[in-house]
Amino acid sequence: MRPFLPIAAVLLATSAWGETSLEVPDFAGAAVSEEEGLSAWDRIEAVLTHPRCVNCHVEEGAPPMWSGPEFGEAHPHGMNIQGGESRIGAELLPCQTCHRTSTAPNDVPHAPPHAGLDWRLAPAEFVWFDRPGAEICAQLRDPDRNGGRDGDGLVEHILHDVESDGFIAWGFAPGAGRESAPGSLQDHLDDTARWVAAGMPCP
């Protein structure tokens, strides 16, 4: 894991969409109010509850979901796709049957999506689908339910994902025919760092 620097730092990562440069904002020594933190959380929540992110954050035993403007009412992933206990569909039909581990660009409408990590559902304790923002916020700040991360670890998670051409990066650049998560990846990183600096307040 890269040591987290509490000063402005620049990460250069090569992604499927070209070179991505993210700057970690410097909040060291700055007073970030709870109000500012809650405002940042509102924008984080808009990202985490967007269909691009939330469709794979389902509870144990639940199928991945299809939701968003192109699907109308939210409903289970088509073709009777199930994540299974493995969360990768190994028991029935692996996610990798259609979703590709690749850094090739997502520029073909309706083609299987590409990301640099093996496709899978998020861990069952990371349930976000159909959950209120306050509950997601409490989950995200709980190391027992966020992968053992503190605030810096959450920022690091975003940086590591970008370096891997992972799912967070894909959510902001999912390719032709797919609505992206709101804002930009840099906006999301800034808001996460600001929320952490404010003490990770929840509504």
N, C-alpha and C. Protein backbone atom coordinates (compact mmCIF):
# COMPACT_ATOMS: atom_id res chain seq x y z
N MET A 1 0.84 -1.20 0.00
CA MET A 1 0.00 0.00 0.00
C MET A 1 0.88 1.25 0.00
N ARG A 2 0.51 2.19 -0.82
CA ARG A 2 1.27 3.43 -0.88
C ARG A 2 1.06 4.23 0.39
N PRO A 3 2.16 4.75 1.01
CA PRO A 3 1.97 5.62 2.18
C PRO A 3 1.11 6.82 1.80
N PHE A 4 0.10 7.09 2.60
CA PHE A 4 -0.76 8.23 2.29
C PHE A 4 -0.07 9.51 2.71
N LEU A 5 0.00 10.45 1.80
CA LEU A 5 0.66 11.71 2.07
C LEU A 5 -0.37 12.78 2.40
N PRO A 6 -0.29 13.41 3.57
CA PRO A 6 -1.25 14.43 3.92
C PRO A 6 -0.95 15.76 3.25
N ILE A 7 -0.21 15.73 2.17
CA ILE A 7 0.05 16.93 1.39
C ILE A 7 -0.41 16.67 -0.02
N ALA A 8 -0.54 17.74 -0.78
CA ALA A 8 -0.99 17.55 -2.15
C ALA A 8 -0.02 16.65 -2.88
N ALA A 9 -0.53 15.66 -3.54
CA ALA A 9 0.30 14.73 -4.28
C ALA A 9 -0.37 14.43 -5.60
N VAL A 10 0.40 14.05 -6.56
CA VAL A 10 -0.15 13.76 -7.87
C VAL A 10 0.05 12.30 -8.19
N LEU A 11 -0.99 11.66 -8.58
CA LEU A 11 -0.93 10.27 -9.00
C LEU A 11 -1.12 10.22 -10.50
N LEU A 12 -0.24 9.52 -11.18
CA LEU A 12 -0.42 9.31 -12.60
C LEU A 12 -0.73 7.84 -12.81
N ALA A 13 -1.81 7.57 -13.43
CA ALA A 13 -2.20 6.19 -13.69
C ALA A 13 -2.64 6.06 -15.13
N THR A 14 -2.25 5.00 -15.74
CA THR A 14 -2.67 4.77 -17.11
C THR A 14 -3.94 3.94 -17.10
N SER A 15 -4.96 4.45 -17.70
CA SER A 15 -6.22 3.75 -17.72
C SER A 15 -6.60 3.41 -19.15
N ALA A 16 -7.72 2.72 -19.24
CA ALA A 16 -8.20 2.36 -20.57
C ALA A 16 -8.54 3.58 -21.40
N TRP A 17 -8.73 4.69 -20.72
CA TRP A 17 -9.16 5.90 -21.41
C TRP A 17 -8.02 6.89 -21.54
N GLY A 18 -6.80 6.44 -21.33
CA GLY A 18 -5.66 7.32 -21.42
C GLY A 18 -5.07 7.57 -20.05
N GLU A 19 -4.19 8.50 -19.97
CA GLU A 19 -3.52 8.79 -18.72
C GLU A 19 -4.44 9.60 -17.82
N THR A 20 -4.65 9.10 -16.61
CA THR A 20 -5.49 9.79 -15.64
C THR A 20 -4.61 10.39 -14.56
N SER A 21 -4.80 11.65 -14.27
CA SER A 21 -4.02 12.32 -13.25
C SER A 21 -4.96 12.81 -12.16
N LEU A 22 -4.71 12.36 -10.95
CA LEU A 22 -5.51 12.81 -9.82
C LEU A 22 -4.61 13.51 -8.81
N GLU A 23 -5.11 14.57 -8.24
CA GLU A 23 -4.37 15.28 -7.20
C GLU A 23 -5.10 15.12 -5.88
N VAL A 24 -4.36 14.62 -4.89
CA VAL A 24 -4.95 14.48 -3.55
C VAL A 24 -4.97 15.85 -2.89
N PRO A 25 -6.15 16.35 -2.55
CA PRO A 25 -6.20 17.68 -1.93
C PRO A 25 -5.55 17.70 -0.56
N ASP A 26 -5.00 18.83 -0.20
CA ASP A 26 -4.29 18.99 1.06
C ASP A 26 -5.20 19.65 2.08
N PHE A 27 -5.69 18.86 3.03
CA PHE A 27 -6.50 19.42 4.11
C PHE A 27 -5.73 19.40 5.43
N ALA A 28 -4.43 19.03 5.37
CA ALA A 28 -3.64 18.99 6.60
C ALA A 28 -3.55 20.39 7.21
N GLY A 29 -3.92 20.49 8.46
CA GLY A 29 -3.86 21.77 9.15
C GLY A 29 -5.01 22.69 8.84
N ALA A 30 -5.87 22.27 7.93
CA ALA A 30 -7.02 23.11 7.58
C ALA A 30 -8.22 22.69 8.42
N ALA A 31 -8.98 23.65 8.84
CA ALA A 31 -10.19 23.36 9.61
C ALA A 31 -11.33 23.12 8.63
N VAL A 32 -11.77 21.87 8.56
CA VAL A 32 -12.90 21.52 7.71
C VAL A 32 -14.09 21.29 8.63
N SER A 33 -15.10 22.11 8.48
CA SER A 33 -16.23 22.07 9.40
C SER A 33 -17.10 20.84 9.16
N GLU A 34 -17.89 20.51 10.17
CA GLU A 34 -18.85 19.41 10.01
C GLU A 34 -19.83 19.72 8.88
N GLU A 35 -20.22 20.99 8.78
CA GLU A 35 -21.15 21.38 7.72
C GLU A 35 -20.54 21.11 6.34
N GLU A 36 -19.25 21.46 6.19
CA GLU A 36 -18.58 21.19 4.92
C GLU A 36 -18.48 19.68 4.68
N GLY A 37 -18.22 18.94 5.76
CA GLY A 37 -18.14 17.49 5.64
C GLY A 37 -19.46 16.88 5.22
N LEU A 38 -20.55 17.38 5.79
CA LEU A 38 -21.87 16.85 5.43
C LEU A 38 -22.23 17.21 3.99
N SER A 39 -21.82 18.41 3.58
CA SER A 39 -22.06 18.80 2.20
C SER A 39 -21.29 17.88 1.24
N ALA A 40 -20.04 17.57 1.61
CA ALA A 40 -19.26 16.63 0.79
C ALA A 40 -19.92 15.26 0.79
N TRP A 41 -20.45 14.85 1.95
CA TRP A 41 -21.11 13.54 2.00
C TRP A 41 -22.32 13.48 1.06
N ASP A 42 -23.06 14.57 0.98
CA ASP A 42 -24.22 14.59 0.06
C ASP A 42 -23.79 14.24 -1.36
N ARG A 43 -22.65 14.78 -1.78
CA ARG A 43 -22.17 14.50 -3.15
C ARG A 43 -21.62 13.07 -3.24
N ILE A 44 -20.96 12.61 -2.16
CA ILE A 44 -20.48 11.22 -2.15
C ILE A 44 -21.67 10.26 -2.24
N GLU A 45 -22.71 10.56 -1.47
CA GLU A 45 -23.90 9.70 -1.48
C GLU A 45 -24.51 9.63 -2.88
N ALA A 46 -24.53 10.78 -3.59
CA ALA A 46 -25.08 10.78 -4.95
C ALA A 46 -24.31 9.83 -5.85
N VAL A 47 -23.01 9.70 -5.61
CA VAL A 47 -22.19 8.77 -6.40
C VAL A 47 -22.48 7.33 -5.98
N LEU A 48 -22.45 7.08 -4.67
CA LEU A 48 -22.57 5.69 -4.18
C LEU A 48 -23.93 5.09 -4.46
N THR A 49 -24.97 5.94 -4.54
CA THR A 49 -26.31 5.42 -4.78
C THR A 49 -26.69 5.48 -6.26
N HIS A 50 -25.77 5.93 -7.09
CA HIS A 50 -26.05 5.96 -8.54
C HIS A 50 -26.06 4.53 -9.06
N PRO A 51 -26.93 4.23 -10.01
CA PRO A 51 -26.99 2.86 -10.54
C PRO A 51 -25.65 2.32 -11.01
N ARG A 52 -24.76 3.22 -11.50
CA ARG A 52 -23.47 2.76 -11.99
C ARG A 52 -22.66 2.09 -10.87
N CYS A 53 -22.92 2.53 -9.62
CA CYS A 53 -22.17 1.98 -8.48
C CYS A 53 -22.98 0.96 -7.70
N VAL A 54 -24.25 1.25 -7.50
CA VAL A 54 -25.01 0.51 -6.50
C VAL A 54 -25.49 -0.85 -7.00
N ASN A 55 -25.55 -1.04 -8.30
CA ASN A 55 -26.14 -2.27 -8.83
C ASN A 55 -25.40 -3.54 -8.41
N CYS A 56 -24.14 -3.41 -8.05
CA CYS A 56 -23.37 -4.58 -7.60
C CYS A 56 -23.17 -4.60 -6.09
N HIS A 57 -23.72 -3.62 -5.39
CA HIS A 57 -23.62 -3.59 -3.92
C HIS A 57 -24.93 -4.11 -3.33
N VAL A 58 -25.17 -5.39 -3.51
CA VAL A 58 -26.42 -6.01 -3.07
C VAL A 58 -26.14 -6.94 -1.89
N GLU A 59 -27.21 -7.27 -1.19
CA GLU A 59 -27.04 -8.07 0.01
C GLU A 59 -26.76 -9.54 -0.33
N GLU A 60 -26.38 -10.29 0.67
CA GLU A 60 -26.04 -11.70 0.49
C GLU A 60 -27.23 -12.45 -0.11
N GLY A 61 -26.97 -13.22 -1.13
CA GLY A 61 -28.01 -14.01 -1.76
C GLY A 61 -28.82 -13.27 -2.80
N ALA A 62 -28.63 -11.96 -2.91
CA ALA A 62 -29.40 -11.18 -3.88
C ALA A 62 -28.65 -11.12 -5.21
N PRO A 63 -29.38 -11.08 -6.30
CA PRO A 63 -28.71 -10.96 -7.60
C PRO A 63 -28.22 -9.54 -7.83
N PRO A 64 -27.26 -9.34 -8.71
CA PRO A 64 -26.95 -7.97 -9.13
C PRO A 64 -28.20 -7.35 -9.77
N MET A 65 -28.23 -6.04 -9.77
CA MET A 65 -29.44 -5.36 -10.24
C MET A 65 -29.18 -4.61 -11.54
N TRP A 66 -30.26 -4.36 -12.25
CA TRP A 66 -30.26 -3.45 -13.36
C TRP A 66 -31.17 -2.31 -12.93
N SER A 67 -30.64 -1.13 -12.81
CA SER A 67 -31.45 0.05 -12.54
C SER A 67 -30.82 1.23 -13.25
N GLY A 68 -31.58 2.30 -13.35
CA GLY A 68 -31.11 3.47 -14.07
C GLY A 68 -32.07 3.84 -15.17
N PRO A 69 -31.85 4.98 -15.80
CA PRO A 69 -32.82 5.50 -16.77
C PRO A 69 -33.07 4.56 -17.94
N GLU A 70 -32.09 3.77 -18.31
CA GLU A 70 -32.29 2.88 -19.46
C GLU A 70 -33.07 1.62 -19.12
N PHE A 71 -33.34 1.41 -17.80
CA PHE A 71 -34.02 0.18 -17.41
C PHE A 71 -35.43 0.39 -16.87
N GLY A 72 -35.85 1.67 -16.66
CA GLY A 72 -37.14 1.89 -16.04
C GLY A 72 -37.10 1.45 -14.60
N GLU A 73 -38.06 0.63 -14.20
CA GLU A 73 -38.08 0.12 -12.83
C GLU A 73 -36.86 -0.76 -12.58
N ALA A 74 -36.30 -0.65 -11.37
CA ALA A 74 -35.18 -1.51 -11.02
C ALA A 74 -35.62 -2.97 -11.00
N HIS A 75 -34.81 -3.83 -11.54
CA HIS A 75 -35.12 -5.26 -11.51
C HIS A 75 -33.82 -6.06 -11.54
N PRO A 76 -33.90 -7.33 -11.15
CA PRO A 76 -32.69 -8.14 -11.14
C PRO A 76 -32.03 -8.22 -12.51
N HIS A 77 -30.73 -8.32 -12.50
CA HIS A 77 -29.93 -8.49 -13.71
C HIS A 77 -30.57 -9.54 -14.61
N GLY A 78 -30.61 -9.28 -15.89
CA GLY A 78 -31.22 -10.22 -16.83
C GLY A 78 -30.45 -11.52 -16.94
N MET A 79 -31.00 -12.43 -17.69
CA MET A 79 -30.42 -13.76 -17.96
C MET A 79 -30.30 -14.59 -16.69
N ASN A 80 -31.08 -14.26 -15.65
CA ASN A 80 -31.06 -15.00 -14.39
C ASN A 80 -29.65 -15.06 -13.79
N ILE A 81 -28.92 -13.97 -13.91
CA ILE A 81 -27.57 -13.91 -13.36
C ILE A 81 -27.62 -13.84 -11.84
N GLN A 82 -26.83 -14.68 -11.17
CA GLN A 82 -26.74 -14.69 -9.71
C GLN A 82 -25.26 -14.60 -9.32
N GLY A 83 -24.99 -13.86 -8.26
CA GLY A 83 -23.61 -13.77 -7.80
C GLY A 83 -23.17 -15.03 -7.07
N GLY A 84 -24.13 -15.69 -6.43
CA GLY A 84 -23.80 -16.88 -5.66
C GLY A 84 -22.98 -16.55 -4.42
N GLU A 85 -22.63 -17.59 -3.67
CA GLU A 85 -21.82 -17.37 -2.47
C GLU A 85 -20.45 -16.81 -2.82
N SER A 86 -19.95 -17.13 -3.98
CA SER A 86 -18.62 -16.66 -4.38
C SER A 86 -18.61 -15.17 -4.67
N ARG A 87 -19.78 -14.60 -4.95
CA ARG A 87 -19.94 -13.21 -5.39
C ARG A 87 -19.37 -12.99 -6.79
N ILE A 88 -18.88 -14.04 -7.45
CA ILE A 88 -18.39 -13.89 -8.82
C ILE A 88 -19.20 -14.76 -9.79
N GLY A 89 -20.25 -15.40 -9.26
CA GLY A 89 -21.08 -16.23 -10.11
C GLY A 89 -20.50 -17.59 -10.43
N ALA A 90 -19.46 -18.00 -9.70
CA ALA A 90 -18.76 -19.25 -10.04
C ALA A 90 -19.68 -20.46 -9.96
N GLU A 91 -20.72 -20.41 -9.12
CA GLU A 91 -21.59 -21.56 -8.94
C GLU A 91 -22.53 -21.76 -10.14
N LEU A 92 -22.76 -20.68 -10.89
CA LEU A 92 -23.76 -20.73 -11.95
C LEU A 92 -23.19 -20.23 -13.28
N LEU A 93 -22.95 -18.96 -13.34
CA LEU A 93 -22.43 -18.35 -14.55
C LEU A 93 -21.52 -17.19 -14.12
N PRO A 94 -20.22 -17.34 -14.26
CA PRO A 94 -19.30 -16.31 -13.77
C PRO A 94 -19.55 -14.95 -14.43
N CYS A 95 -19.37 -13.91 -13.64
CA CYS A 95 -19.49 -12.55 -14.17
C CYS A 95 -18.61 -12.39 -15.41
N GLN A 96 -17.45 -13.08 -15.39
CA GLN A 96 -16.48 -12.94 -16.46
C GLN A 96 -16.98 -13.49 -17.79
N THR A 97 -18.12 -14.19 -17.78
CA THR A 97 -18.66 -14.69 -19.03
C THR A 97 -18.93 -13.54 -19.99
N CYS A 98 -19.40 -12.43 -19.43
CA CYS A 98 -19.69 -11.27 -20.27
C CYS A 98 -18.84 -10.06 -19.90
N HIS A 99 -18.70 -9.80 -18.58
CA HIS A 99 -17.90 -8.65 -18.15
C HIS A 99 -16.43 -9.02 -18.30
N ARG A 100 -15.64 -8.13 -18.86
CA ARG A 100 -14.27 -8.45 -19.22
C ARG A 100 -13.26 -7.78 -18.30
N THR A 101 -12.22 -8.53 -17.95
CA THR A 101 -11.07 -7.95 -17.26
C THR A 101 -10.11 -7.49 -18.35
N SER A 102 -10.11 -6.20 -18.57
CA SER A 102 -9.36 -5.66 -19.69
C SER A 102 -9.24 -4.16 -19.54
N THR A 103 -8.19 -3.62 -20.08
CA THR A 103 -8.06 -2.16 -20.11
C THR A 103 -8.43 -1.60 -21.47
N ALA A 104 -9.04 -2.44 -22.28
CA ALA A 104 -9.51 -1.95 -23.58
C ALA A 104 -10.60 -0.91 -23.36
N PRO A 105 -10.69 0.08 -24.21
CA PRO A 105 -11.69 1.13 -24.01
C PRO A 105 -13.12 0.62 -24.14
N ASN A 106 -14.01 1.24 -23.36
CA ASN A 106 -15.44 0.90 -23.42
C ASN A 106 -16.12 1.83 -24.42
N ASP A 107 -15.82 1.66 -25.66
CA ASP A 107 -16.34 2.61 -26.64
C ASP A 107 -17.34 2.02 -27.61
N VAL A 108 -17.78 0.78 -27.37
CA VAL A 108 -18.76 0.15 -28.24
C VAL A 108 -20.10 0.07 -27.50
N PRO A 109 -21.13 0.77 -27.99
CA PRO A 109 -22.42 0.74 -27.29
C PRO A 109 -22.95 -0.68 -27.09
N HIS A 110 -23.43 -0.95 -25.87
CA HIS A 110 -24.07 -2.22 -25.50
C HIS A 110 -23.10 -3.41 -25.50
N ALA A 111 -21.81 -3.14 -25.66
CA ALA A 111 -20.84 -4.23 -25.59
C ALA A 111 -20.56 -4.57 -24.13
N PRO A 112 -20.06 -5.78 -23.84
CA PRO A 112 -19.71 -6.11 -22.45
C PRO A 112 -18.73 -5.09 -21.89
N PRO A 113 -18.95 -4.64 -20.65
CA PRO A 113 -18.07 -3.63 -20.07
C PRO A 113 -16.70 -4.19 -19.72
N HIS A 114 -15.71 -3.33 -19.78
CA HIS A 114 -14.33 -3.68 -19.45
C HIS A 114 -13.90 -2.92 -18.20
N ALA A 115 -13.13 -3.57 -17.34
CA ALA A 115 -12.43 -2.91 -16.23
C ALA A 115 -11.17 -3.73 -15.97
N GLY A 116 -10.23 -3.12 -15.28
CA GLY A 116 -8.94 -3.76 -15.08
C GLY A 116 -8.92 -4.80 -13.97
N LEU A 117 -10.01 -4.95 -13.23
CA LEU A 117 -10.11 -5.95 -12.17
C LEU A 117 -11.12 -7.01 -12.57
N ASP A 118 -11.01 -8.19 -11.94
CA ASP A 118 -11.99 -9.25 -12.20
C ASP A 118 -13.35 -8.82 -11.65
N TRP A 119 -14.37 -8.98 -12.47
CA TRP A 119 -15.70 -8.52 -12.09
C TRP A 119 -16.29 -9.41 -11.00
N ARG A 120 -16.94 -8.79 -10.05
CA ARG A 120 -17.57 -9.49 -8.94
C ARG A 120 -18.50 -8.53 -8.23
N LEU A 121 -19.40 -9.07 -7.43
CA LEU A 121 -20.21 -8.23 -6.57
C LEU A 121 -19.36 -7.73 -5.42
N ALA A 122 -19.74 -6.59 -4.87
CA ALA A 122 -19.07 -6.09 -3.68
C ALA A 122 -19.33 -7.06 -2.52
N PRO A 123 -18.44 -7.10 -1.53
CA PRO A 123 -18.70 -7.97 -0.37
C PRO A 123 -20.08 -7.71 0.22
N ALA A 124 -20.68 -8.76 0.76
CA ALA A 124 -22.07 -8.66 1.23
C ALA A 124 -22.25 -7.60 2.31
N GLU A 125 -21.21 -7.34 3.10
CA GLU A 125 -21.36 -6.32 4.15
C GLU A 125 -21.34 -4.90 3.58
N PHE A 126 -21.06 -4.77 2.28
CA PHE A 126 -21.04 -3.46 1.65
C PHE A 126 -22.37 -3.19 0.94
N VAL A 127 -23.47 -3.53 1.56
CA VAL A 127 -24.78 -3.38 0.90
C VAL A 127 -25.13 -1.90 0.80
N TRP A 128 -25.38 -1.45 -0.40
CA TRP A 128 -25.80 -0.07 -0.63
C TRP A 128 -27.15 -0.01 -1.35
N PHE A 129 -27.47 -1.05 -2.13
CA PHE A 129 -28.68 -0.98 -2.94
C PHE A 129 -29.91 -0.83 -2.06
N ASP A 130 -30.71 0.19 -2.39
CA ASP A 130 -31.99 0.43 -1.71
C ASP A 130 -31.81 0.74 -0.23
N ARG A 131 -30.63 1.21 0.16
CA ARG A 131 -30.38 1.59 1.54
C ARG A 131 -30.32 3.12 1.64
N PRO A 132 -30.82 3.72 2.75
CA PRO A 132 -30.74 5.17 2.90
C PRO A 132 -29.30 5.65 3.05
N GLY A 133 -29.09 6.90 2.67
CA GLY A 133 -27.74 7.45 2.70
C GLY A 133 -27.10 7.39 4.07
N ALA A 134 -27.88 7.67 5.12
CA ALA A 134 -27.32 7.65 6.47
C ALA A 134 -26.80 6.26 6.82
N GLU A 135 -27.48 5.23 6.36
CA GLU A 135 -27.04 3.86 6.65
C GLU A 135 -25.77 3.52 5.88
N ILE A 136 -25.69 3.99 4.63
CA ILE A 136 -24.47 3.76 3.84
C ILE A 136 -23.30 4.50 4.47
N CYS A 137 -23.56 5.72 4.95
CA CYS A 137 -22.51 6.52 5.58
C CYS A 137 -21.97 5.79 6.81
N ALA A 138 -22.86 5.28 7.65
CA ALA A 138 -22.43 4.56 8.85
C ALA A 138 -21.62 3.33 8.49
N GLN A 139 -22.03 2.64 7.43
CA GLN A 139 -21.28 1.46 6.98
C GLN A 139 -19.89 1.85 6.50
N LEU A 140 -19.82 2.95 5.75
CA LEU A 140 -18.55 3.34 5.16
C LEU A 140 -17.53 3.76 6.21
N ARG A 141 -17.97 4.28 7.34
CA ARG A 141 -17.02 4.73 8.36
C ARG A 141 -16.72 3.65 9.40
N ASP A 142 -17.28 2.47 9.21
CA ASP A 142 -17.10 1.37 10.14
C ASP A 142 -16.05 0.40 9.60
N PRO A 143 -14.84 0.34 10.20
CA PRO A 143 -13.79 -0.56 9.67
C PRO A 143 -14.22 -2.01 9.60
N ASP A 144 -15.17 -2.42 10.44
CA ASP A 144 -15.64 -3.81 10.39
C ASP A 144 -16.49 -4.07 9.15
N ARG A 145 -16.93 -3.00 8.51
CA ARG A 145 -17.81 -3.17 7.34
C ARG A 145 -17.32 -2.39 6.12
N ASN A 146 -16.06 -1.91 6.17
CA ASN A 146 -15.55 -1.19 4.99
C ASN A 146 -14.21 -1.75 4.53
N GLY A 147 -13.91 -2.97 4.93
CA GLY A 147 -12.65 -3.57 4.53
C GLY A 147 -11.49 -3.21 5.45
N GLY A 148 -11.81 -2.75 6.68
CA GLY A 148 -10.77 -2.45 7.64
C GLY A 148 -10.05 -1.13 7.39
N ARG A 149 -10.71 -0.22 6.75
CA ARG A 149 -10.07 1.05 6.37
C ARG A 149 -10.42 2.18 7.34
N ASP A 150 -9.41 3.02 7.60
CA ASP A 150 -9.70 4.29 8.26
C ASP A 150 -9.94 5.32 7.15
N GLY A 151 -10.04 6.60 7.54
CA GLY A 151 -10.33 7.62 6.53
C GLY A 151 -9.29 7.67 5.42
N ASP A 152 -8.00 7.68 5.81
CA ASP A 152 -6.94 7.69 4.80
C ASP A 152 -7.04 6.45 3.92
N GLY A 153 -7.43 5.34 4.52
CA GLY A 153 -7.56 4.11 3.75
C GLY A 153 -8.64 4.21 2.69
N LEU A 154 -9.70 4.96 2.98
CA LEU A 154 -10.75 5.15 1.98
C LEU A 154 -10.24 5.97 0.80
N VAL A 155 -9.44 7.01 1.11
CA VAL A 155 -8.84 7.80 0.04
C VAL A 155 -7.89 6.92 -0.76
N GLU A 156 -7.09 6.14 -0.06
CA GLU A 156 -6.14 5.24 -0.71
C GLU A 156 -6.86 4.24 -1.60
N HIS A 157 -8.02 3.79 -1.17
CA HIS A 157 -8.80 2.83 -1.95
C HIS A 157 -9.15 3.41 -3.32
N ILE A 158 -9.51 4.67 -3.35
CA ILE A 158 -9.83 5.31 -4.64
C ILE A 158 -8.58 5.37 -5.52
N LEU A 159 -7.44 5.76 -4.93
CA LEU A 159 -6.21 5.86 -5.71
C LEU A 159 -5.78 4.50 -6.26
N HIS A 160 -5.86 3.48 -5.41
CA HIS A 160 -5.48 2.13 -5.85
C HIS A 160 -6.40 1.66 -6.97
N ASP A 161 -7.68 1.97 -6.85
CA ASP A 161 -8.63 1.55 -7.88
C ASP A 161 -8.28 2.18 -9.22
N VAL A 162 -7.91 3.46 -9.20
CA VAL A 162 -7.56 4.14 -10.45
C VAL A 162 -6.32 3.51 -11.07
N GLU A 163 -5.34 3.20 -10.24
CA GLU A 163 -4.13 2.56 -10.75
C GLU A 163 -4.44 1.21 -11.39
N SER A 164 -5.51 0.56 -10.91
CA SER A 164 -5.88 -0.76 -11.41
C SER A 164 -6.91 -0.70 -12.53
N ASP A 165 -7.27 0.51 -12.97
CA ASP A 165 -8.38 0.64 -13.93
C ASP A 165 -9.61 -0.08 -13.39
N GLY A 166 -9.89 0.14 -12.12
CA GLY A 166 -10.94 -0.62 -11.44
C GLY A 166 -12.33 -0.06 -11.61
N PHE A 167 -13.20 -0.49 -10.70
CA PHE A 167 -14.63 -0.21 -10.86
C PHE A 167 -15.01 1.23 -10.53
N ILE A 168 -14.28 1.87 -9.61
CA ILE A 168 -14.58 3.27 -9.33
C ILE A 168 -14.27 4.12 -10.56
N ALA A 169 -13.10 3.89 -11.12
CA ALA A 169 -12.74 4.62 -12.34
C ALA A 169 -13.72 4.33 -13.45
N TRP A 170 -14.12 3.06 -13.60
CA TRP A 170 -15.07 2.70 -14.65
C TRP A 170 -16.41 3.40 -14.44
N GLY A 171 -16.82 3.57 -13.18
CA GLY A 171 -18.12 4.19 -12.91
C GLY A 171 -18.21 5.62 -13.43
N PHE A 172 -17.06 6.28 -13.54
CA PHE A 172 -17.07 7.65 -14.06
C PHE A 172 -16.79 7.69 -15.56
N ALA A 173 -16.44 6.58 -16.14
CA ALA A 173 -16.18 6.51 -17.58
C ALA A 173 -16.60 5.14 -18.09
N PRO A 174 -17.91 4.83 -18.00
CA PRO A 174 -18.36 3.48 -18.35
C PRO A 174 -18.48 3.22 -19.84
N GLY A 175 -18.32 4.28 -20.63
CA GLY A 175 -18.32 4.08 -22.07
C GLY A 175 -19.64 4.36 -22.74
N ALA A 176 -19.63 4.16 -24.02
CA ALA A 176 -20.77 4.55 -24.85
C ALA A 176 -22.06 3.88 -24.40
N GLY A 177 -23.12 4.67 -24.34
CA GLY A 177 -24.44 4.13 -24.03
C GLY A 177 -24.71 3.92 -22.56
N ARG A 178 -23.77 4.25 -21.70
CA ARG A 178 -23.97 4.06 -20.27
C ARG A 178 -23.83 5.39 -19.55
N GLU A 179 -24.77 5.69 -18.66
CA GLU A 179 -24.72 6.92 -17.88
C GLU A 179 -23.64 6.79 -16.81
N SER A 180 -22.79 7.79 -16.68
CA SER A 180 -21.72 7.74 -15.69
C SER A 180 -22.21 8.23 -14.34
N ALA A 181 -21.46 7.92 -13.30
CA ALA A 181 -21.74 8.45 -11.98
C ALA A 181 -21.62 9.98 -12.04
N PRO A 182 -22.34 10.69 -11.16
CA PRO A 182 -22.34 12.16 -11.24
C PRO A 182 -21.00 12.76 -10.87
N GLY A 183 -20.67 13.87 -11.53
CA GLY A 183 -19.42 14.55 -11.25
C GLY A 183 -18.25 13.86 -11.93
N SER A 184 -17.08 14.12 -11.41
CA SER A 184 -15.87 13.53 -11.98
C SER A 184 -15.15 12.71 -10.92
N LEU A 185 -14.21 11.91 -11.36
CA LEU A 185 -13.41 11.12 -10.42
C LEU A 185 -12.62 12.03 -9.48
N GLN A 186 -12.08 13.14 -10.01
CA GLN A 186 -11.37 14.09 -9.16
C GLN A 186 -12.32 14.71 -8.13
N ASP A 187 -13.54 15.05 -8.56
CA ASP A 187 -14.54 15.58 -7.62
C ASP A 187 -14.78 14.58 -6.48
N HIS A 188 -14.91 13.31 -6.85
CA HIS A 188 -15.21 12.28 -5.85
C HIS A 188 -14.03 12.12 -4.88
N LEU A 189 -12.83 12.16 -5.39
CA LEU A 189 -11.65 12.08 -4.53
C LEU A 189 -11.60 13.30 -3.60
N ASP A 190 -11.83 14.48 -4.14
CA ASP A 190 -11.82 15.71 -3.33
C ASP A 190 -12.87 15.62 -2.22
N ASP A 191 -14.07 15.19 -2.58
CA ASP A 191 -15.15 15.12 -1.58
C ASP A 191 -14.83 14.08 -0.50
N THR A 192 -14.25 12.95 -0.91
CA THR A 192 -13.91 11.94 0.08
C THR A 192 -12.84 12.46 1.05
N ALA A 193 -11.82 13.12 0.51
CA ALA A 193 -10.77 13.67 1.37
C ALA A 193 -11.33 14.76 2.29
N ARG A 194 -12.24 15.57 1.76
CA ARG A 194 -12.85 16.64 2.57
C ARG A 194 -13.72 16.03 3.68
N TRP A 195 -14.47 14.99 3.34
CA TRP A 195 -15.34 14.32 4.33
C TRP A 195 -14.49 13.69 5.44
N VAL A 196 -13.37 13.07 5.04
CA VAL A 196 -12.47 12.46 6.02
C VAL A 196 -11.88 13.54 6.93
N ALA A 197 -11.44 14.66 6.33
CA ALA A 197 -10.83 15.74 7.12
C ALA A 197 -11.83 16.34 8.11
N ALA A 198 -13.11 16.27 7.78
CA ALA A 198 -14.15 16.81 8.66
C ALA A 198 -14.55 15.82 9.75
N GLY A 199 -13.94 14.64 9.78
CA GLY A 199 -14.26 13.65 10.80
C GLY A 199 -15.28 12.63 10.36
N MET A 200 -15.54 12.54 9.05
CA MET A 200 -16.47 11.56 8.47
C MET A 200 -17.86 11.67 9.09
N PRO A 201 -18.44 12.88 9.09
CA PRO A 201 -19.77 13.04 9.68
C PRO A 201 -20.86 12.38 8.84
N CYS A 202 -21.87 11.89 9.51
CA CYS A 202 -23.02 11.27 8.84
C CYS A 202 -24.29 12.04 9.16
N PRO A 203 -25.21 12.08 8.21
CA PRO A 203 -26.49 12.77 8.48
C PRO A 203 -27.32 12.04 9.52
